[in-house]
Amino acid sequence: MKTLRQFAAVAVLAALAPLACARPLCTIVADAASGKPIRYEGQCGERVTPASTFKIALAVMGYDAGFLKDQHAPVLSFRQGDPDWGGADWLRPTDPSSWIQYSVVWYSQRITHALGADAFQSYVRRFGYGNMDVSGDAGRDNGLDRSWIISSLKISPEEQVGFLRRLVNRQLPVSAHALDMTARITEAARLPGGWVVHGKMGTGAPGTSSPDGTWDQAHAYGWFVGWATNGTKTYVFAHLLQDEQIEERSAGRRARDAVLGALPAILARADD
């Protein structure tokens, strides 16, 4: 039996590190009610950019403030000058569901600008989100546009799990509607055993504050954070990796695939 358990543990670790050129930095899976980890591996206290995982928090803010209405409203259109590096999916009319699905940066910016700087900062502080610094790049007054994208806002995997616990336990100071709608638009997968996974991936390359905007694409961070529930039990998770060379597929997408591949075995053992 011990040998089988050891083999299973090795299999899970292998699933969470699917490519030798990506280094797993941290994996946490924890009971949402008690906070007790059932999986804790790596250095999980270091803060890095949240990148697009911040969209979970932004969704809660947007619904609570009334800017976001439901899964499909408001529908907003791309404007000349909006970020467009996400390709054709970013150029189409976008609603809350497609915003999360395609990780549309300009839609995030519409939410933050609708909130305004004071309300945006207030939400981040009340959520206790990471270092709570949404000032943006030093001297550029761009906190509403990119503070969560390789900029001033940073969060550790441990803090991601803490925020997600407050979300799923309905302890954030927001409306029930905001929490319900955020759960709907972040559903990511359905797993054996009746588990429904909610989450958001994120990718961000470490960079400098130089005017030429140099980014270290060969060492991109990849996140996948969220929660899994089967109706009676809920677990929150955060997985962070860092690339060691430039990859064709985004680090965030590979982090997501690794977690979804490993979760069934982790959750099955948690229920034993």
C-alpha atoms as a PDB file:
ATOM      1  CA  MET A   1       0.000   0.000   0.000  1.00  0.00           C
ATOM      2  CA  LYS A   2       2.822   2.373   0.877  1.00  0.00           C
ATOM      3  CA  THR A   3       4.405   1.720  -2.513  1.00  0.00           C
ATOM      4  CA  LEU A   4       1.143   2.493  -4.284  1.00  0.00           C
ATOM      5  CA  ARG A   5       0.771   5.766  -2.382  1.00  0.00           C
ATOM      6  CA  GLN A   6       4.341   6.726  -3.233  1.00  0.00           C
ATOM      7  CA  PHE A   7       3.718   5.906  -6.883  1.00  0.00           C
ATOM      8  CA  ALA A   8       0.557   8.039  -6.864  1.00  0.00           C
ATOM      9  CA  ALA A   9       2.436  10.958  -5.329  1.00  0.00           C
ATOM     10  CA  VAL A  10       5.117  10.729  -8.011  1.00  0.00           C
ATOM     11  CA  ALA A  11       2.418  10.591 -10.705  1.00  0.00           C
ATOM     12  CA  VAL A  12       0.787  13.751  -9.363  1.00  0.00           C
ATOM     13  CA  LEU A  13       4.094  15.595  -9.266  1.00  0.00           C
ATOM     14  CA  ALA A  14       4.798  14.502 -12.829  1.00  0.00           C
ATOM     15  CA  ALA A  15       1.413  15.793 -13.968  1.00  0.00           C
ATOM     16  CA  LEU A  16       2.093  19.147 -12.340  1.00  0.00           C
ATOM     17  CA  ALA A  17       5.424  19.449 -14.143  1.00  0.00           C
ATOM     18  CA  PRO A  18       4.549  18.263 -17.651  1.00  0.00           C
ATOM     19  CA  LEU A  19       7.561  19.872 -19.332  1.00  0.00           C
ATOM     20  CA  ALA A  20      11.169  19.827 -18.126  1.00  0.00           C
ATOM     21  CA  CYS A  21      11.609  23.406 -19.334  1.00  0.00           C
ATOM     22  CA  ALA A  22       8.927  24.660 -16.911  1.00  0.00           C
ATOM     23  CA  ARG A  23       9.831  24.733 -13.229  1.00  0.00           C
ATOM     24  CA  PRO A  24       6.962  24.251 -10.751  1.00  0.00           C
ATOM     25  CA  LEU A  25       7.251  26.937  -8.074  1.00  0.00           C
ATOM     26  CA  CYS A  26       4.277  26.028  -5.897  1.00  0.00           C
ATOM     27  CA  THR A  27       1.192  23.851  -5.692  1.00  0.00           C
ATOM     28  CA  ILE A  28      -1.408  24.237  -2.946  1.00  0.00           C
ATOM     29  CA  VAL A  29      -4.716  22.401  -2.664  1.00  0.00           C
ATOM     30  CA  ALA A  30      -6.581  23.158   0.564  1.00  0.00           C
ATOM     31  CA  ASP A  31      -9.900  22.421   2.233  1.00  0.00           C
ATOM     32  CA  ALA A  32     -11.904  25.599   1.722  1.00  0.00           C
ATOM     33  CA  ALA A  33     -13.687  25.302   5.069  1.00  0.00           C
ATOM     34  CA  SER A  34     -10.740  24.607   7.359  1.00  0.00           C
ATOM     35  CA  GLY A  35      -7.863  25.924   5.280  1.00  0.00           C
ATOM     36  CA  LYS A  36      -5.970  22.680   5.876  1.00  0.00           C
ATOM     37  CA  PRO A  37      -3.765  21.831   2.877  1.00  0.00           C
ATOM     38  CA  ILE A  38      -4.078  18.391   1.330  1.00  0.00           C
ATOM     39  CA  ARG A  39      -1.234  19.263  -1.054  1.00  0.00           C
ATOM     40  CA  TYR A  40       1.506  21.828  -0.328  1.00  0.00           C
ATOM     41  CA  GLU A  41       4.649  21.736  -2.443  1.00  0.00           C
ATOM     42  CA  GLY A  42       7.303  24.322  -3.238  1.00  0.00           C
ATOM     43  CA  GLN A  43       7.999  27.881  -2.182  1.00  0.00           C
ATOM     44  CA  CYS A  44       4.497  29.293  -1.850  1.00  0.00           C
ATOM     45  CA  GLY A  45       5.089  32.558  -0.009  1.00  0.00           C
ATOM     46  CA  GLU A  46       6.803  34.541  -2.766  1.00  0.00           C
ATOM     47  CA  ARG A  47       4.734  37.249  -4.443  1.00  0.00           C
ATOM     48  CA  VAL A  48       4.646  37.648  -8.216  1.00  0.00           C
ATOM     49  CA  THR A  49       2.257  39.286 -10.662  1.00  0.00           C
ATOM     50  CA  PRO A  50      -1.277  37.841 -10.562  1.00  0.00           C
ATOM     51  CA  ALA A  51      -1.628  38.491 -14.301  1.00  0.00           C
ATOM     52  CA  SER A  52      -5.024  37.313 -15.562  1.00  0.00           C
ATOM     53  CA  THR A  53      -5.890  35.404 -12.383  1.00  0.00           C
ATOM     54  CA  PHE A  54      -6.836  38.855 -11.079  1.00  0.00           C
ATOM     55  CA  LYS A  55      -9.894  38.661 -13.321  1.00  0.00           C
ATOM     56  CA  ILE A  56     -11.587  36.565 -10.615  1.00  0.00           C
ATOM     57  CA  ALA A  57     -11.311  39.497  -8.214  1.00  0.00           C
ATOM     58  CA  LEU A  58     -12.258  41.954 -10.973  1.00  0.00           C
ATOM     59  CA  ALA A  59     -15.394  39.960 -11.740  1.00  0.00           C
ATOM     60  CA  VAL A  60     -16.477  40.157  -8.103  1.00  0.00           C
ATOM     61  CA  MET A  61     -15.869  43.923  -8.107  1.00  0.00           C
ATOM     62  CA  GLY A  62     -17.635  44.478 -11.414  1.00  0.00           C
ATOM     63  CA  TYR A  63     -20.760  42.572 -10.400  1.00  0.00           C
ATOM     64  CA  ASP A  64     -20.870  44.083  -6.932  1.00  0.00           C
ATOM     65  CA  ALA A  65     -20.603  47.618  -8.355  1.00  0.00           C
ATOM     66  CA  GLY A  66     -23.327  46.927 -10.928  1.00  0.00           C
ATOM     67  CA  PHE A  67     -21.148  47.460 -14.001  1.00  0.00           C
ATOM     68  CA  LEU A  68     -21.389  43.767 -14.871  1.00  0.00           C
ATOM     69  CA  LYS A  69     -24.988  42.525 -15.014  1.00  0.00           C
ATOM     70  CA  ASP A  70     -25.038  38.803 -15.766  1.00  0.00           C
ATOM     71  CA  GLN A  71     -23.154  36.244 -17.845  1.00  0.00           C
ATOM     72  CA  HIS A  72     -23.808  38.102 -21.091  1.00  0.00           C
ATOM     73  CA  ALA A  73     -24.158  41.777 -20.199  1.00  0.00           C
ATOM     74  CA  PRO A  74     -22.787  44.233 -20.841  1.00  0.00           C
ATOM     75  CA  VAL A  75     -21.549  43.535 -24.353  1.00  0.00           C
ATOM     76  CA  LEU A  76     -18.725  45.961 -25.114  1.00  0.00           C
ATOM     77  CA  SER A  77     -16.871  46.645 -28.358  1.00  0.00           C
ATOM     78  CA  PHE A  78     -13.181  46.974 -29.110  1.00  0.00           C
ATOM     79  CA  ARG A  79     -11.950  50.532 -29.586  1.00  0.00           C
ATOM     80  CA  GLN A  80      -8.965  51.733 -31.549  1.00  0.00           C
ATOM     81  CA  GLY A  81      -6.024  51.884 -29.175  1.00  0.00           C
ATOM     82  CA  ASP A  82      -7.259  49.091 -26.897  1.00  0.00           C
ATOM     83  CA  PRO A  83      -4.807  46.239 -26.184  1.00  0.00           C
ATOM     84  CA  ASP A  84      -5.020  43.862 -29.144  1.00  0.00           C
ATOM     85  CA  TRP A  85      -2.168  41.395 -28.648  1.00  0.00           C
ATOM     86  CA  GLY A  86      -4.658  38.622 -27.866  1.00  0.00           C
ATOM     87  CA  GLY A  87      -5.578  38.292 -31.514  1.00  0.00           C
ATOM     88  CA  ALA A  88      -8.971  38.056 -33.209  1.00  0.00           C
ATOM     89  CA  ASP A  89     -10.859  37.054 -30.056  1.00  0.00           C
ATOM     90  CA  TRP A  90     -10.014  40.438 -28.515  1.00  0.00           C
ATOM     91  CA  LEU A  91     -11.351  42.378 -31.499  1.00  0.00           C
ATOM     92  CA  ARG A  92     -14.889  40.991 -31.236  1.00  0.00           C
ATOM     93  CA  PRO A  93     -17.764  42.325 -29.087  1.00  0.00           C
ATOM     94  CA  THR A  94     -17.137  40.900 -25.619  1.00  0.00           C
ATOM     95  CA  ASP A  95     -19.430  39.991 -22.703  1.00  0.00           C
ATOM     96  CA  PRO A  96     -18.454  38.802 -19.194  1.00  0.00           C
ATOM     97  CA  SER A  97     -18.309  35.143 -20.237  1.00  0.00           C
ATOM     98  CA  SER A  98     -16.092  35.734 -23.273  1.00  0.00           C
ATOM     99  CA  TRP A  99     -13.991  38.203 -21.254  1.00  0.00           C
ATOM    100  CA  ILE A 100     -13.030  35.379 -18.913  1.00  0.00           C
ATOM    101  CA  GLN A 101     -12.786  32.749 -21.654  1.00  0.00           C
ATOM    102  CA  TYR A 102     -10.431  34.784 -23.852  1.00  0.00           C
ATOM    103  CA  SER A 103      -8.810  36.836 -21.058  1.00  0.00           C
ATOM    104  CA  VAL A 104      -9.561  40.159 -22.763  1.00  0.00           C
ATOM    105  CA  VAL A 105      -7.408  42.872 -21.177  1.00  0.00           C
ATOM    106  CA  TRP A 106      -9.337  45.867 -22.499  1.00  0.00           C
ATOM    107  CA  TYR A 107     -12.567  44.544 -20.944  1.00  0.00           C
ATOM    108  CA  SER A 108     -10.777  44.420 -17.586  1.00  0.00           C
ATOM    109  CA  GLN A 109      -9.765  48.036 -18.135  1.00  0.00           C
ATOM    110  CA  ARG A 110     -13.365  49.066 -18.807  1.00  0.00           C
ATOM    111  CA  ILE A 111     -14.289  47.594 -15.413  1.00  0.00           C
ATOM    112  CA  THR A 112     -11.496  49.353 -13.534  1.00  0.00           C
ATOM    113  CA  HIS A 113     -12.161  52.707 -15.211  1.00  0.00           C
ATOM    114  CA  ALA A 114     -15.877  52.399 -14.466  1.00  0.00           C
ATOM    115  CA  LEU A 115     -14.998  51.789 -10.815  1.00  0.00           C
ATOM    116  CA  GLY A 116     -12.529  54.664 -10.641  1.00  0.00           C
ATOM    117  CA  ALA A 117      -9.246  54.738  -8.750  1.00  0.00           C
ATOM    118  CA  ASP A 118     -10.697  55.189  -5.263  1.00  0.00           C
ATOM    119  CA  ALA A 119     -13.261  52.382  -5.483  1.00  0.00           C
ATOM    120  CA  PHE A 120     -10.763  50.091  -7.192  1.00  0.00           C
ATOM    121  CA  GLN A 121      -8.233  50.604  -4.405  1.00  0.00           C
ATOM    122  CA  SER A 122     -10.954  50.171  -1.776  1.00  0.00           C
ATOM    123  CA  TYR A 123     -12.050  46.808  -3.191  1.00  0.00           C
ATOM    124  CA  VAL A 124      -8.484  45.502  -3.346  1.00  0.00           C
ATOM    125  CA  ARG A 125      -7.872  46.507   0.264  1.00  0.00           C
ATOM    126  CA  ARG A 126     -11.145  45.045   1.514  1.00  0.00           C
ATOM    127  CA  PHE A 127     -10.382  41.820  -0.330  1.00  0.00           C
ATOM    128  CA  GLY A 128      -6.917  41.713   1.270  1.00  0.00           C
ATOM    129  CA  TYR A 129      -5.553  40.901  -2.176  1.00  0.00           C
ATOM    130  CA  GLY A 130      -1.794  40.335  -2.153  1.00  0.00           C
ATOM    131  CA  ASN A 131       0.250  43.458  -1.476  1.00  0.00           C
ATOM    132  CA  MET A 132      -2.821  45.595  -2.300  1.00  0.00           C
ATOM    133  CA  ASP A 133      -0.740  47.982  -4.441  1.00  0.00           C
ATOM    134  CA  VAL A 134      -2.671  49.098  -7.526  1.00  0.00           C
ATOM    135  CA  SER A 135      -0.598  52.219  -8.189  1.00  0.00           C
ATOM    136  CA  GLY A 136       0.804  50.791 -11.429  1.00  0.00           C
ATOM    137  CA  ASP A 137       4.225  51.432 -12.927  1.00  0.00           C
ATOM    138  CA  ALA A 138       6.223  54.050 -11.032  1.00  0.00           C
ATOM    139  CA  GLY A 139       5.553  57.550 -12.341  1.00  0.00           C
ATOM    140  CA  ARG A 140       3.168  56.455 -15.102  1.00  0.00           C
ATOM    141  CA  ASP A 141      -0.264  56.775 -13.457  1.00  0.00           C
ATOM    142  CA  ASN A 142      -1.472  53.572 -15.100  1.00  0.00           C
ATOM    143  CA  GLY A 143      -2.800  51.597 -12.150  1.00  0.00           C
ATOM    144  CA  LEU A 144      -6.284  51.312 -13.658  1.00  0.00           C
ATOM    145  CA  ASP A 145      -4.819  49.954 -16.878  1.00  0.00           C
ATOM    146  CA  ARG A 146      -2.192  47.454 -15.827  1.00  0.00           C
ATOM    147  CA  SER A 147      -1.343  47.324 -12.111  1.00  0.00           C
ATOM    148  CA  TRP A 148      -2.078  43.564 -12.153  1.00  0.00           C
ATOM    149  CA  ILE A 149       0.018  42.887 -15.286  1.00  0.00           C
ATOM    150  CA  ILE A 150       3.727  42.675 -14.351  1.00  0.00           C
ATOM    151  CA  SER A 151       3.421  45.866 -12.353  1.00  0.00           C
ATOM    152  CA  SER A 152       2.779  46.994  -8.772  1.00  0.00           C
ATOM    153  CA  LEU A 153       0.184  44.409  -7.681  1.00  0.00           C
ATOM    154  CA  LYS A 154       1.719  41.136  -6.518  1.00  0.00           C
ATOM    155  CA  ILE A 155       0.349  38.065  -4.780  1.00  0.00           C
ATOM    156  CA  SER A 156       1.730  34.767  -3.505  1.00  0.00           C
ATOM    157  CA  PRO A 157       0.150  31.341  -3.993  1.00  0.00           C
ATOM    158  CA  GLU A 158      -0.644  31.286  -0.263  1.00  0.00           C
ATOM    159  CA  GLU A 159      -2.450  34.621  -0.632  1.00  0.00           C
ATOM    160  CA  GLN A 160      -4.306  33.385  -3.722  1.00  0.00           C
ATOM    161  CA  VAL A 161      -5.636  30.484  -1.658  1.00  0.00           C
ATOM    162  CA  GLY A 162      -6.584  32.830   1.189  1.00  0.00           C
ATOM    163  CA  PHE A 163      -8.519  35.103  -1.178  1.00  0.00           C
ATOM    164  CA  LEU A 164     -10.271  32.144  -2.799  1.00  0.00           C
ATOM    165  CA  ARG A 165     -11.276  30.759   0.594  1.00  0.00           C
ATOM    166  CA  ARG A 166     -12.876  34.096   1.464  1.00  0.00           C
ATOM    167  CA  LEU A 167     -14.663  34.051  -1.891  1.00  0.00           C
ATOM    168  CA  VAL A 168     -16.108  30.530  -1.704  1.00  0.00           C
ATOM    169  CA  ASN A 169     -16.986  30.894   1.991  1.00  0.00           C
ATOM    170  CA  ARG A 170     -18.842  34.093   1.078  1.00  0.00           C
ATOM    171  CA  GLN A 171     -16.759  36.195   3.445  1.00  0.00           C
ATOM    172  CA  LEU A 172     -15.958  38.982   0.992  1.00  0.00           C
ATOM    173  CA  PRO A 173     -17.839  42.245   1.648  1.00  0.00           C
ATOM    174  CA  VAL A 174     -19.891  42.053  -1.553  1.00  0.00           C
ATOM    175  CA  SER A 175     -23.365  41.052  -2.710  1.00  0.00           C
ATOM    176  CA  ALA A 176     -24.507  37.456  -3.103  1.00  0.00           C
ATOM    177  CA  HIS A 177     -25.185  38.254  -6.770  1.00  0.00           C
ATOM    178  CA  ALA A 178     -21.520  39.173  -7.280  1.00  0.00           C
ATOM    179  CA  LEU A 179     -20.352  35.856  -5.855  1.00  0.00           C
ATOM    180  CA  ASP A 180     -22.942  33.806  -7.740  1.00  0.00           C
ATOM    181  CA  MET A 181     -22.184  35.391 -11.109  1.00  0.00           C
ATOM    182  CA  THR A 182     -18.433  35.138 -10.638  1.00  0.00           C
ATOM    183  CA  ALA A 183     -18.827  31.413 -10.022  1.00  0.00           C
ATOM    184  CA  ARG A 184     -20.881  31.042 -13.200  1.00  0.00           C
ATOM    185  CA  ILE A 185     -18.451  32.761 -15.550  1.00  0.00           C
ATOM    186  CA  THR A 186     -15.359  31.059 -14.111  1.00  0.00           C
ATOM    187  CA  GLU A 187     -16.477  27.444 -14.525  1.00  0.00           C
ATOM    188  CA  ALA A 188     -13.497  25.755 -16.170  1.00  0.00           C
ATOM    189  CA  ALA A 189     -14.093  21.986 -16.200  1.00  0.00           C
ATOM    190  CA  ARG A 190     -16.109  19.056 -14.879  1.00  0.00           C
ATOM    191  CA  LEU A 191     -14.213  16.105 -13.440  1.00  0.00           C
ATOM    192  CA  PRO A 192     -15.112  12.538 -12.421  1.00  0.00           C
ATOM    193  CA  GLY A 193     -16.868  12.247  -9.082  1.00  0.00           C
ATOM    194  CA  GLY A 194     -19.172  15.179  -9.715  1.00  0.00           C
ATOM    195  CA  TRP A 195     -16.447  17.781  -9.229  1.00  0.00           C
ATOM    196  CA  VAL A 196     -16.965  21.171 -10.876  1.00  0.00           C
ATOM    197  CA  VAL A 197     -13.811  23.256 -11.261  1.00  0.00           C
ATOM    198  CA  HIS A 198     -13.877  27.052 -11.322  1.00  0.00           C
ATOM    199  CA  GLY A 199     -10.714  28.953 -12.064  1.00  0.00           C
ATOM    200  CA  LYS A 200      -8.610  31.315 -14.104  1.00  0.00           C
ATOM    201  CA  MET A 201      -5.214  30.900 -15.665  1.00  0.00           C
ATOM    202  CA  GLY A 202      -2.688  33.695 -16.057  1.00  0.00           C
ATOM    203  CA  THR A 203       0.599  34.291 -17.859  1.00  0.00           C
ATOM    204  CA  GLY A 204       3.102  37.058 -17.200  1.00  0.00           C
ATOM    205  CA  ALA A 205       6.735  37.485 -18.199  1.00  0.00           C
ATOM    206  CA  PRO A 206       9.050  39.156 -15.693  1.00  0.00           C
ATOM    207  CA  GLY A 207      10.207  42.504 -17.003  1.00  0.00           C
ATOM    208  CA  THR A 208      11.877  45.771 -16.315  1.00  0.00           C
ATOM    209  CA  SER A 209      10.584  49.300 -15.886  1.00  0.00           C
ATOM    210  CA  SER A 210      12.690  50.514 -18.812  1.00  0.00           C
ATOM    211  CA  PRO A 211      10.990  52.754 -21.401  1.00  0.00           C
ATOM    212  CA  ASP A 212      11.500  50.161 -24.140  1.00  0.00           C
ATOM    213  CA  GLY A 213       9.283  47.726 -22.241  1.00  0.00           C
ATOM    214  CA  THR A 214      11.696  44.811 -22.201  1.00  0.00           C
ATOM    215  CA  TRP A 215      10.155  41.544 -20.972  1.00  0.00           C
ATOM    216  CA  ASP A 216      11.868  38.260 -20.146  1.00  0.00           C
ATOM    217  CA  GLN A 217       9.663  35.970 -22.219  1.00  0.00           C
ATOM    218  CA  ALA A 218      11.908  32.965 -21.564  1.00  0.00           C
ATOM    219  CA  HIS A 219      10.988  32.990 -17.860  1.00  0.00           C
ATOM    220  CA  ALA A 220       7.247  33.582 -17.978  1.00  0.00           C
ATOM    221  CA  TYR A 221       5.108  32.786 -14.946  1.00  0.00           C
ATOM    222  CA  GLY A 222       2.114  30.518 -15.406  1.00  0.00           C
ATOM    223  CA  TRP A 223      -0.780  30.448 -12.935  1.00  0.00           C
ATOM    224  CA  PHE A 224      -3.919  28.425 -12.536  1.00  0.00           C
ATOM    225  CA  VAL A 225      -5.992  29.217  -9.461  1.00  0.00           C
ATOM    226  CA  GLY A 226      -9.553  28.437  -8.422  1.00  0.00           C
ATOM    227  CA  TRP A 227     -11.709  25.956  -6.585  1.00  0.00           C
ATOM    228  CA  ALA A 228     -13.351  22.565  -7.055  1.00  0.00           C
ATOM    229  CA  THR A 229     -16.678  21.608  -5.510  1.00  0.00           C
ATOM    230  CA  ASN A 230     -18.891  18.530  -5.613  1.00  0.00           C
ATOM    231  CA  GLY A 231     -21.833  20.031  -3.741  1.00  0.00           C
ATOM    232  CA  THR A 232     -20.759  18.863  -0.295  1.00  0.00           C
ATOM    233  CA  LYS A 233     -17.032  19.591  -0.248  1.00  0.00           C
ATOM    234  CA  THR A 234     -14.960  22.429  -1.692  1.00  0.00           C
ATOM    235  CA  TYR A 235     -11.209  22.702  -2.181  1.00  0.00           C
ATOM    236  CA  VAL A 236      -9.297  25.790  -3.279  1.00  0.00           C
ATOM    237  CA  PHE A 237      -6.060  25.578  -5.237  1.00  0.00           C
ATOM    238  CA  ALA A 238      -3.189  27.601  -6.642  1.00  0.00           C
ATOM    239  CA  HIS A 239      -0.489  26.346  -8.989  1.00  0.00           C
ATOM    240  CA  LEU A 240       2.420  28.512 -10.144  1.00  0.00           C
ATOM    241  CA  LEU A 241       5.182  27.560 -12.566  1.00  0.00           C
ATOM    242  CA  GLN A 242       7.963  29.443 -14.310  1.00  0.00           C
ATOM    243  CA  ASP A 243       9.350  28.714 -17.749  1.00  0.00           C
ATOM    244  CA  GLU A 244      13.043  28.182 -18.386  1.00  0.00           C
ATOM    245  CA  GLN A 245      12.862  28.902 -22.111  1.00  0.00           C
ATOM    246  CA  ILE A 246      10.436  30.449 -24.597  1.00  0.00           C
ATOM    247  CA  GLU A 247       7.522  28.092 -25.242  1.00  0.00           C
ATOM    248  CA  GLU A 248       4.918  27.948 -27.998  1.00  0.00           C
ATOM    249  CA  ARG A 249       2.005  27.422 -25.576  1.00  0.00           C
ATOM    250  CA  SER A 250       1.452  29.965 -22.843  1.00  0.00           C
ATOM    251  CA  ALA A 251       2.665  29.179 -19.338  1.00  0.00           C
ATOM    252  CA  GLY A 252      -0.812  29.780 -17.949  1.00  0.00           C
ATOM    253  CA  ARG A 253      -2.429  27.321 -20.331  1.00  0.00           C
ATOM    254  CA  ARG A 254       0.114  24.660 -19.407  1.00  0.00           C
ATOM    255  CA  ALA A 255      -0.407  25.363 -15.693  1.00  0.00           C
ATOM    256  CA  ARG A 256      -4.149  24.885 -16.173  1.00  0.00           C
ATOM    257  CA  ASP A 257      -3.707  21.634 -18.075  1.00  0.00           C
ATOM    258  CA  ALA A 258      -1.353  20.307 -15.395  1.00  0.00           C
ATOM    259  CA  VAL A 259      -3.801  21.059 -12.587  1.00  0.00           C
ATOM    260  CA  LEU A 260      -6.798  19.597 -14.396  1.00  0.00           C
ATOM    261  CA  GLY A 261      -4.748  16.488 -15.091  1.00  0.00           C
ATOM    262  CA  ALA A 262      -3.695  16.067 -11.460  1.00  0.00           C
ATOM    263  CA  LEU A 263      -6.838  17.134  -9.580  1.00  0.00           C
ATOM    264  CA  PRO A 264      -8.889  13.934 -10.029  1.00  0.00           C
ATOM    265  CA  ALA A 265      -6.258  11.852  -8.208  1.00  0.00           C
ATOM    266  CA  ILE A 266      -5.715  14.490  -5.513  1.00  0.00           C
ATOM    267  CA  LEU A 267      -9.446  14.850  -4.834  1.00  0.00           C
ATOM    268  CA  ALA A 268     -10.025  11.093  -4.883  1.00  0.00           C
ATOM    269  CA  ARG A 269      -7.377  10.594  -2.211  1.00  0.00           C
ATOM    270  CA  ALA A 270      -8.789  13.467  -0.152  1.00  0.00           C
ATOM    271  CA  ASP A 271     -12.134  11.649  -0.018  1.00  0.00           C
ATOM    272  CA  ASP A 272     -10.588   8.333   1.125  1.00  0.00           C
END
